[in-house]
Protein backbone atom coordinates (compact mmCIF):
# COMPACT_ATOMS: atom_id res chain seq x y z
CA MET A 1 -15.53 75.60 30.94
CA SER A 2 -11.91 77.02 30.14
CA GLU A 3 -9.01 75.85 32.09
CA SER A 4 -7.77 78.74 34.49
CA ALA A 5 -4.27 80.43 33.54
CA PHE A 6 -3.52 79.84 37.35
CA ALA A 7 -2.43 77.11 39.61
CA GLU A 8 -2.62 77.35 43.46
CA ARG A 9 1.20 77.54 43.94
CA ILE A 10 2.89 79.54 41.65
CA VAL A 11 6.78 78.48 41.96
CA HIS A 12 6.62 74.59 42.29
CA ASN A 13 10.00 73.50 42.40
CA LEU A 14 13.57 74.52 43.03
CA LEU A 15 14.31 74.39 38.91
CA ASP A 16 11.52 76.87 38.07
CA THR A 17 14.07 79.47 37.46
CA ASP A 18 16.42 80.81 34.80
CA PHE A 19 19.33 78.49 33.77
CA TYR A 20 22.15 81.52 34.26
CA LYS A 21 21.17 81.28 37.84
CA LEU A 22 22.53 77.96 38.32
CA THR A 23 25.51 78.40 35.95
CA MET A 24 26.29 81.74 38.04
CA MET A 25 25.66 79.81 41.50
CA GLN A 26 28.36 77.12 40.71
CA ALA A 27 30.92 79.78 39.65
CA VAL A 28 30.01 81.55 42.89
CA LEU A 29 30.53 78.25 45.20
CA HIS A 30 33.97 77.53 43.40
CA ASN A 31 35.16 81.01 43.49
CA TYR A 32 33.27 83.49 45.98
CA PRO A 33 31.69 81.11 48.63
CA ASP A 34 32.13 83.94 51.23
CA ALA A 35 30.86 86.85 49.28
CA ASP A 36 28.07 88.82 50.93
CA VAL A 37 25.37 90.92 48.65
CA GLU A 38 22.37 92.83 49.03
CA TRP A 39 19.46 93.17 46.43
CA GLU A 40 16.57 95.53 46.23
CA PHE A 41 13.37 95.35 44.50
CA ARG A 42 12.07 98.10 42.02
CA CYS A 43 9.11 98.39 40.11
CA ARG A 44 9.69 100.64 37.31
CA ASN A 45 6.48 101.63 36.23
CA GLY A 46 5.48 102.68 39.84
CA GLU A 47 2.48 100.23 40.18
CA ASP A 48 0.74 99.82 43.78
CA LEU A 49 1.44 96.38 44.95
CA ARG A 50 0.86 96.75 48.38
CA PRO A 51 -2.95 95.06 48.05
CA TYR A 52 -0.82 91.88 47.55
CA LEU A 53 1.35 91.81 50.23
CA SER A 54 -0.16 89.06 52.38
CA GLU A 55 -0.62 86.46 49.53
CA ILE A 56 2.89 87.59 47.99
CA ARG A 57 4.13 86.48 51.50
CA GLN A 58 2.35 83.30 51.75
CA GLN A 59 3.79 82.34 48.15
CA ILE A 60 7.37 83.45 49.29
CA GLU A 61 6.98 81.41 52.52
CA GLN A 62 6.37 78.27 50.40
CA LEU A 63 9.73 78.48 48.83
CA ALA A 64 11.34 77.25 51.91
CA ASP A 65 9.69 73.85 51.06
CA LEU A 66 11.19 73.42 47.69
CA THR A 67 14.10 70.64 47.16
CA LEU A 68 15.29 68.70 43.99
CA ASP A 69 13.92 64.99 43.49
CA ASP A 70 15.83 62.27 41.91
CA GLY A 71 14.32 63.02 38.29
CA GLN A 72 15.31 66.64 38.40
CA MET A 73 18.90 65.50 39.82
CA GLN A 74 19.58 63.21 36.95
CA PHE A 75 18.48 65.94 34.20
CA LEU A 76 21.04 68.13 36.05
CA GLU A 77 23.59 65.26 35.98
CA ARG A 78 23.48 65.05 32.21
CA ILE A 79 24.62 68.60 31.64
CA SER A 80 28.50 68.21 31.26
CA PHE A 81 29.33 71.35 32.85
CA LEU A 82 27.71 71.03 36.11
CA LYS A 83 30.08 69.79 38.53
CA PRO A 84 29.45 67.00 40.98
CA ASP A 85 30.22 69.03 44.11
CA PHE A 86 27.68 71.66 43.07
CA LEU A 87 25.07 69.28 42.48
CA ARG A 88 25.77 67.90 45.78
CA PHE A 89 25.49 71.38 47.13
CA LEU A 90 22.35 71.98 45.26
CA ARG A 91 20.74 68.72 46.36
CA LEU A 92 21.07 70.04 50.03
CA PHE A 93 20.19 73.83 48.95
CA ARG A 94 17.14 75.42 50.72
CA PHE A 95 15.72 78.75 50.79
CA ASN A 96 16.53 80.57 53.70
CA LEU A 97 13.86 83.41 54.36
CA ARG A 98 15.99 85.08 57.20
CA TYR A 99 17.78 86.69 54.21
CA LEU A 100 14.48 88.13 53.02
CA HIS A 101 13.16 91.54 54.21
CA LEU A 102 9.55 91.99 52.72
CA GLY A 103 7.08 94.70 53.63
CA ILE A 104 5.90 98.67 53.32
CA GLU A 105 8.29 101.30 52.97
CA HIS A 106 7.38 104.85 51.83
CA ASP A 107 4.19 103.62 50.51
CA GLN A 108 5.36 100.95 48.44
CA LEU A 109 6.08 97.09 48.32
CA PHE A 110 9.64 96.81 49.77
CA LEU A 111 11.98 93.89 49.23
CA ARG A 112 15.69 93.41 50.02
CA LEU A 113 17.90 90.29 49.92
CA ARG A 114 21.00 90.45 52.22
CA GLY A 115 23.29 87.41 52.60
CA PRO A 116 25.67 85.07 51.20
CA TRP A 117 25.95 85.43 47.40
CA LEU A 118 25.73 81.53 47.30
CA HIS A 119 22.53 81.53 49.43
CA VAL A 120 20.52 84.45 47.94
CA ILE A 121 21.21 84.15 44.31
CA LEU A 122 18.47 81.58 43.53
CA PHE A 123 15.75 84.13 44.95
CA GLU A 124 15.55 86.49 42.32
CA VAL A 125 13.50 84.84 39.64
CA PRO A 126 11.13 83.18 41.94
CA LEU A 127 10.26 86.33 43.57
CA LEU A 128 9.68 88.53 40.45
CA ALA A 129 7.68 85.65 39.16
CA ILE A 130 5.44 85.37 42.09
CA ILE A 131 4.93 89.14 42.54
CA SER A 132 3.94 89.19 38.76
CA GLU A 133 1.50 86.16 38.88
CA MET A 134 0.06 87.59 42.11
CA ARG A 135 -0.75 90.92 40.65
CA ASN A 136 -2.10 89.28 37.37
CA ARG A 137 -4.34 87.20 39.67
CA HIS A 138 -6.03 90.09 41.29
CA LEU A 139 -6.40 92.22 38.09
CA HIS A 140 -7.39 89.25 35.74
CA PRO A 141 -9.06 86.31 38.14
CA GLN A 142 -10.93 85.04 35.19
CA MET A 143 -8.24 84.77 32.75
CA PRO A 144 -8.43 81.34 30.76
CA LEU A 145 -5.31 79.75 29.59
CA SER A 146 -6.46 79.69 26.11
CA ALA A 147 -6.22 83.53 26.09
CA ALA A 148 -2.49 83.02 25.86
CA SER A 149 -2.74 80.08 23.52
CA GLU A 150 -4.85 82.07 20.96
CA GLN A 151 -2.71 85.17 20.97
CA LEU A 152 0.57 83.09 20.50
CA GLN A 153 -1.10 81.44 17.37
CA ARG A 154 -1.67 84.66 15.96
CA LYS A 155 1.78 85.56 16.15
CA PHE A 156 2.81 81.99 14.37
CA ASP A 157 0.17 83.04 11.69
CA TRP A 158 1.88 86.50 11.18
CA LEU A 159 5.30 85.11 11.15
CA ARG A 160 4.07 82.39 8.58
CA GLY A 161 2.64 85.35 6.35
CA ASN A 162 5.63 87.56 6.86
CA ALA A 163 8.87 85.72 6.38
CA SER A 164 10.08 83.35 3.58
CA GLU A 165 10.53 79.50 4.05
CA GLU A 166 14.31 80.14 3.87
CA GLU A 167 14.30 82.80 6.66
CA LEU A 168 12.24 80.51 8.86
CA SER A 169 14.88 77.86 8.84
CA GLN A 170 17.26 80.31 9.97
CA LEU A 171 15.35 82.41 12.49
CA GLN A 172 16.44 81.28 16.06
CA VAL A 173 13.98 81.83 19.21
CA ALA A 174 14.21 80.86 22.76
CA ASP A 175 11.89 81.57 25.59
CA PHE A 176 13.40 84.22 28.19
CA GLY A 177 10.09 84.80 29.94
CA THR A 178 10.22 83.42 33.65
CA ARG A 179 10.64 86.42 35.57
CA ARG A 180 7.59 88.53 34.12
CA ARG A 181 5.30 85.61 33.03
CA PHE A 182 1.65 85.93 33.59
CA SER A 183 1.66 82.78 35.34
CA SER A 184 3.67 79.70 35.44
CA ARG A 185 0.77 77.91 33.29
CA VAL A 186 0.93 80.38 30.75
CA GLN A 187 4.58 79.87 30.48
CA GLU A 188 4.35 76.08 30.21
CA GLN A 189 1.95 76.73 27.62
CA VAL A 190 3.54 78.90 25.66
CA VAL A 191 6.81 76.73 25.69
CA ARG A 192 4.81 73.55 24.63
CA MET A 193 3.54 75.57 21.63
CA MET A 194 6.73 77.03 20.70
CA ARG A 195 8.39 73.46 20.83
CA ASP A 196 5.63 71.74 18.69
CA ASP A 197 4.42 74.53 16.40
CA PHE A 198 6.63 77.64 16.07
CA PRO A 199 7.34 78.08 12.55
CA GLY A 200 10.97 79.19 12.96
CA ARG A 201 13.64 77.38 14.80
CA PHE A 202 12.61 76.93 18.33
CA VAL A 203 16.19 76.53 20.09
CA GLY A 204 15.28 76.22 23.85
CA THR A 205 13.95 78.03 26.96
CA SER A 206 15.78 79.96 30.19
CA ASN A 207 13.28 77.87 32.35
CA VAL A 208 15.25 74.73 33.84
CA ASP A 209 11.95 73.30 35.15
CA LEU A 210 10.44 73.31 31.59
CA ALA A 211 13.43 72.35 29.81
CA TRP A 212 13.24 69.03 32.04
CA LYS A 213 9.64 68.83 31.83
CA LEU A 214 9.32 69.18 27.93
CA ASP A 215 12.88 67.65 26.92
CA ILE A 216 14.17 70.80 25.69
CA LYS A 217 17.52 72.65 25.93
CA PRO A 218 17.88 74.87 28.85
CA LEU A 219 19.83 78.17 27.90
CA GLY A 220 21.92 80.85 29.73
CA THR A 221 24.87 81.89 30.85
CA MET A 222 25.90 84.87 32.96
CA ALA A 223 23.73 88.03 34.31
CA HIS A 224 24.48 91.44 35.30
CA GLU A 225 25.03 90.30 38.73
CA TRP A 226 28.12 88.54 37.85
CA ILE A 227 30.15 91.51 36.27
CA MET A 228 28.51 93.92 39.01
CA ALA A 229 29.94 91.80 41.97
CA HIS A 230 33.31 91.94 40.59
CA GLN A 231 33.22 95.83 41.10
CA GLN A 232 34.11 94.93 44.58
CA LEU A 233 35.47 91.42 44.06
CA GLY A 234 38.38 92.40 41.72
CA PRO A 235 41.73 93.83 42.18
CA ARG A 236 40.83 97.11 40.84
CA LEU A 237 37.66 98.79 39.73
CA ILE A 238 39.07 99.36 35.93
CA ASP A 239 39.95 95.71 36.01
CA SER A 240 36.55 94.23 37.03
CA GLN A 241 35.01 93.37 34.00
CA ILE A 242 38.57 91.40 32.52
CA ALA A 243 38.23 89.86 36.13
CA ALA A 244 34.76 88.78 35.75
CA LEU A 245 35.32 87.48 32.03
CA ASP A 246 38.68 85.63 32.92
CA CYS A 247 36.93 83.87 35.96
CA TRP A 248 34.08 82.87 33.86
CA VAL A 249 36.66 81.27 31.25
CA ARG A 250 38.41 79.53 33.95
CA GLU A 251 35.35 77.96 35.35
CA TYR A 252 33.54 76.74 31.98
CA ARG A 253 36.62 76.13 29.89
CA GLY A 254 35.32 77.41 26.62
CA LEU A 255 31.57 76.47 27.33
CA LEU A 256 28.86 78.80 28.08
CA GLY A 257 30.86 81.27 25.85
CA ILE A 258 28.00 84.27 25.65
CA ALA A 259 29.01 87.24 27.35
CA LEU A 260 26.89 90.17 28.55
CA THR A 261 28.16 93.42 27.15
CA ASP A 262 25.87 96.19 28.80
CA CYS A 263 26.86 96.37 32.53
CA ILE A 264 28.94 99.26 32.11
CA THR A 265 27.89 100.31 28.42
CA MET A 266 28.91 98.14 25.28
CA ASP A 267 32.02 100.74 24.20
CA ALA A 268 33.64 100.30 27.60
CA PHE A 269 32.98 96.33 27.41
CA LEU A 270 34.91 96.50 24.16
CA GLY A 271 37.66 98.14 25.69
CA ASP A 272 38.17 94.99 27.65
CA PHE A 273 37.16 92.35 25.29
CA ASP A 274 40.69 91.84 23.50
CA LEU A 275 41.43 89.07 21.41
CA TYR A 276 42.02 86.42 23.90
CA PHE A 277 38.43 87.03 25.25
CA ALA A 278 37.07 87.54 21.72
CA LYS A 279 38.46 84.11 20.53
CA LEU A 280 37.33 82.19 23.96
CA PHE A 281 33.73 83.25 23.82
CA ASP A 282 31.55 82.36 21.29
CA GLY A 283 29.44 85.42 21.21
CA LEU A 284 27.87 88.41 22.99
CA ARG A 285 24.39 89.23 24.54
CA HIS A 286 22.61 92.39 23.80
CA ASP A 287 20.48 93.63 26.49
CA SER A 288 19.89 97.49 26.15
CA GLY A 289 20.46 99.97 23.56
CA GLU A 290 19.57 100.25 20.03
CA PRO A 291 20.20 96.58 18.92
CA VAL A 292 21.51 96.99 15.19
CA ALA A 293 23.68 99.90 16.06
CA TRP A 294 25.08 97.59 19.12
CA ALA A 295 25.99 94.36 16.60
CA GLU A 296 27.57 96.97 14.20
CA LYS A 297 29.76 97.84 17.13
CA ALA A 298 30.21 93.95 17.72
CA ILE A 299 30.77 92.99 13.99
CA ALA A 300 33.49 96.14 13.65
CA HIS A 301 35.17 94.94 16.57
CA TYR A 302 35.27 91.32 15.69
CA ARG A 303 36.88 92.21 12.23
CA LYS A 304 39.73 94.55 13.69
CA LEU A 305 40.80 91.83 16.18
CA GLY A 306 41.04 89.71 12.76
CA ILE A 307 38.10 87.40 13.47
CA ASP A 308 35.60 86.36 10.86
CA PRO A 309 31.93 87.60 12.53
CA MET A 310 30.45 84.44 10.77
CA THR A 311 32.28 82.63 13.32
CA LYS A 312 30.50 84.39 16.18
CA THR A 313 26.72 84.54 17.73
CA LEU A 314 24.96 87.56 18.80
CA VAL A 315 22.01 86.94 21.31
CA PHE A 316 19.47 89.69 21.57
CA SER A 317 17.13 89.64 24.46
CA ASP A 318 15.81 93.25 25.16
CA GLY A 319 12.13 93.79 24.80
CA LEU A 320 11.90 91.77 21.87
CA ASP A 321 8.66 90.78 20.15
CA LEU A 322 8.75 88.39 16.61
CA PRO A 323 8.58 91.50 14.40
CA ARG A 324 11.41 93.20 16.00
CA ALA A 325 13.30 89.89 15.94
CA LEU A 326 12.80 89.60 12.11
CA GLY A 327 13.83 93.26 11.51
CA ILE A 328 17.01 92.44 13.26
CA PHE A 329 17.80 89.19 11.61
CA ARG A 330 17.18 91.08 8.01
CA ALA A 331 19.56 93.64 9.01
CA LEU A 332 22.21 91.28 9.91
CA ARG A 333 21.82 88.09 7.83
CA GLY A 334 24.97 86.90 6.40
CA ARG A 335 27.11 89.33 8.32
CA ILE A 336 27.11 87.23 11.98
CA ASN A 337 25.03 84.61 13.30
CA VAL A 338 22.03 85.80 15.47
CA SER A 339 19.67 84.36 17.77
CA PHE A 340 16.87 85.87 20.05
CA GLY A 341 15.44 85.51 23.53
CA ILE A 342 12.01 86.81 23.87
CA GLY A 343 10.48 86.96 27.50
CA THR A 344 7.58 89.18 28.24
CA ASN A 345 6.15 89.08 24.76
CA LEU A 346 5.98 85.37 24.65
CA THR A 347 4.78 84.68 28.37
CA CYS A 348 2.72 88.07 29.28
CA ASP A 349 1.41 89.11 25.89
CA ILE A 350 -2.38 88.64 26.29
CA PRO A 351 -5.27 91.00 24.86
CA GLY A 352 -6.19 93.63 27.75
CA VAL A 353 -3.15 92.66 29.91
CA ALA A 354 -0.33 95.11 30.67
CA PRO A 355 2.69 93.58 31.52
CA MET A 356 4.63 94.73 34.75
CA SER A 357 8.15 95.98 34.55
CA ILE A 358 9.82 94.89 37.54
CA VAL A 359 13.45 94.32 38.61
CA LEU A 360 15.37 92.62 41.34
CA LYS A 361 18.91 94.10 41.17
CA MET A 362 22.28 93.59 43.31
CA THR A 363 22.89 96.66 45.14
CA ASP A 364 25.93 95.96 47.31
CA CYS A 365 28.72 93.53 47.35
CA ASN A 366 31.10 92.69 50.62
CA GLY A 367 29.63 96.03 52.02
CA SER A 368 30.17 98.34 48.96
CA PRO A 369 27.95 99.47 46.26
CA VAL A 370 28.05 98.16 42.83
CA ALA A 371 26.07 99.54 39.74
CA LYS A 372 24.86 98.84 36.38
CA ILE A 373 25.08 101.69 34.06
CA SER A 374 23.70 100.15 30.88
CA ASP A 375 23.33 101.56 27.25
CA GLU A 376 19.83 102.94 28.25
CA ALA A 377 19.71 105.62 30.74
CA ALA A 378 16.33 104.13 32.17
CA LYS A 379 18.24 101.02 32.89
CA THR A 380 20.95 102.38 35.24
CA GLN A 381 20.88 101.15 38.97
CA CYS A 382 22.47 101.85 42.10
CA ARG A 383 21.75 103.00 45.63
CA ASP A 384 25.02 105.48 45.54
CA ASP A 385 25.31 108.38 42.99
CA ASN A 386 28.89 108.88 43.86
CA PHE A 387 29.80 105.34 42.83
CA VAL A 388 28.08 105.56 39.88
CA ALA A 389 30.26 109.00 38.84
CA TYR A 390 33.00 107.25 40.00
CA LEU A 391 32.35 104.28 37.89
CA ARG A 392 31.85 106.27 34.71
CA HIS A 393 35.14 108.54 35.21
CA VAL A 394 37.04 105.34 35.67
CA PHE A 395 35.56 103.73 32.48
CA LYS A 396 35.19 106.91 30.53
CA VAL A 397 31.58 106.83 30.07
CA PRO A 398 29.96 110.11 29.53
CA SER A 399 27.03 110.90 31.69
CA LYS A 400 23.59 110.91 29.95
CA GLU A 401 21.13 113.50 31.17
């Protein structure tokens, strides 16, 4: 009998999250320990998740039991930029469910987080993983783990047949698939196969638990929430991106140097990404908009600043699969270094399965709205249309109809 793709417990320890959650959490502890935030869940494809509410609630309640053990702490202690005071705090950390509100509102599954940023920051990834896997359990209860393995092997075969040996030696791919994975077992199987058999260069995973278990590198720097929060933490709105980048530089002193560009669009980001930041950061991450056009802007910006683009790296992470990654790699090869983080297409690509489109985004910081405008209109998110209009005005971002 084939092994099931599902385990009884969905999130099995505190490290079953994306690495950038820990890196941002440390920066919050050191810089904004008193900041309060709100987050709201959104299912972009309008799927009815109400039938799964009771089982989702049961899995969420189990989060309160999670702690770090000695082996996990020793793994984290080997990461040079995670500071002793933060690791002591993390050892004491527990998910506090009073910050979470879950139910039905307007005939849809409703989920909101409200509380100290430091104490709610780790909720996002496990909550999304729980919702995704619980839905998949109901729709595909008999799915064998082998279905994911066979699909991934087909991708490996495609890549070997379509890329040269030289290209494969330079094609860098990481797993970014925790939040919308088919299941925790599928993600672990995928990452094992990527580590052992990927034809190109497998460079790591965003999942800290799998990095620990499988002895591979955990990857991640900052997410949109870091820059969004500074819209209410910085001195002026126009300086919010500068404040976010400057705080990151002071926290990590040249490490974790990949900056996220599309919180208020690439053009607005480059307006703030001056020679100081361009020299201090190792590269940029793409998460919305047409990838090669975005890369051309980055290359032109580095050249304008007198920086050789081949000393920098662009990380692509927006809805990728291997054919798209190979196409981007070929378009930019020899002009700037590139790397690819593939999420859903690795961890939730099984024949007959339609992946979910779900997000949990910060909506408020210290009682005032924050927004992500993005380079893709569908990804714009904010509860306050007036604040979005004001943000566009301040950063001179035209409205997209």
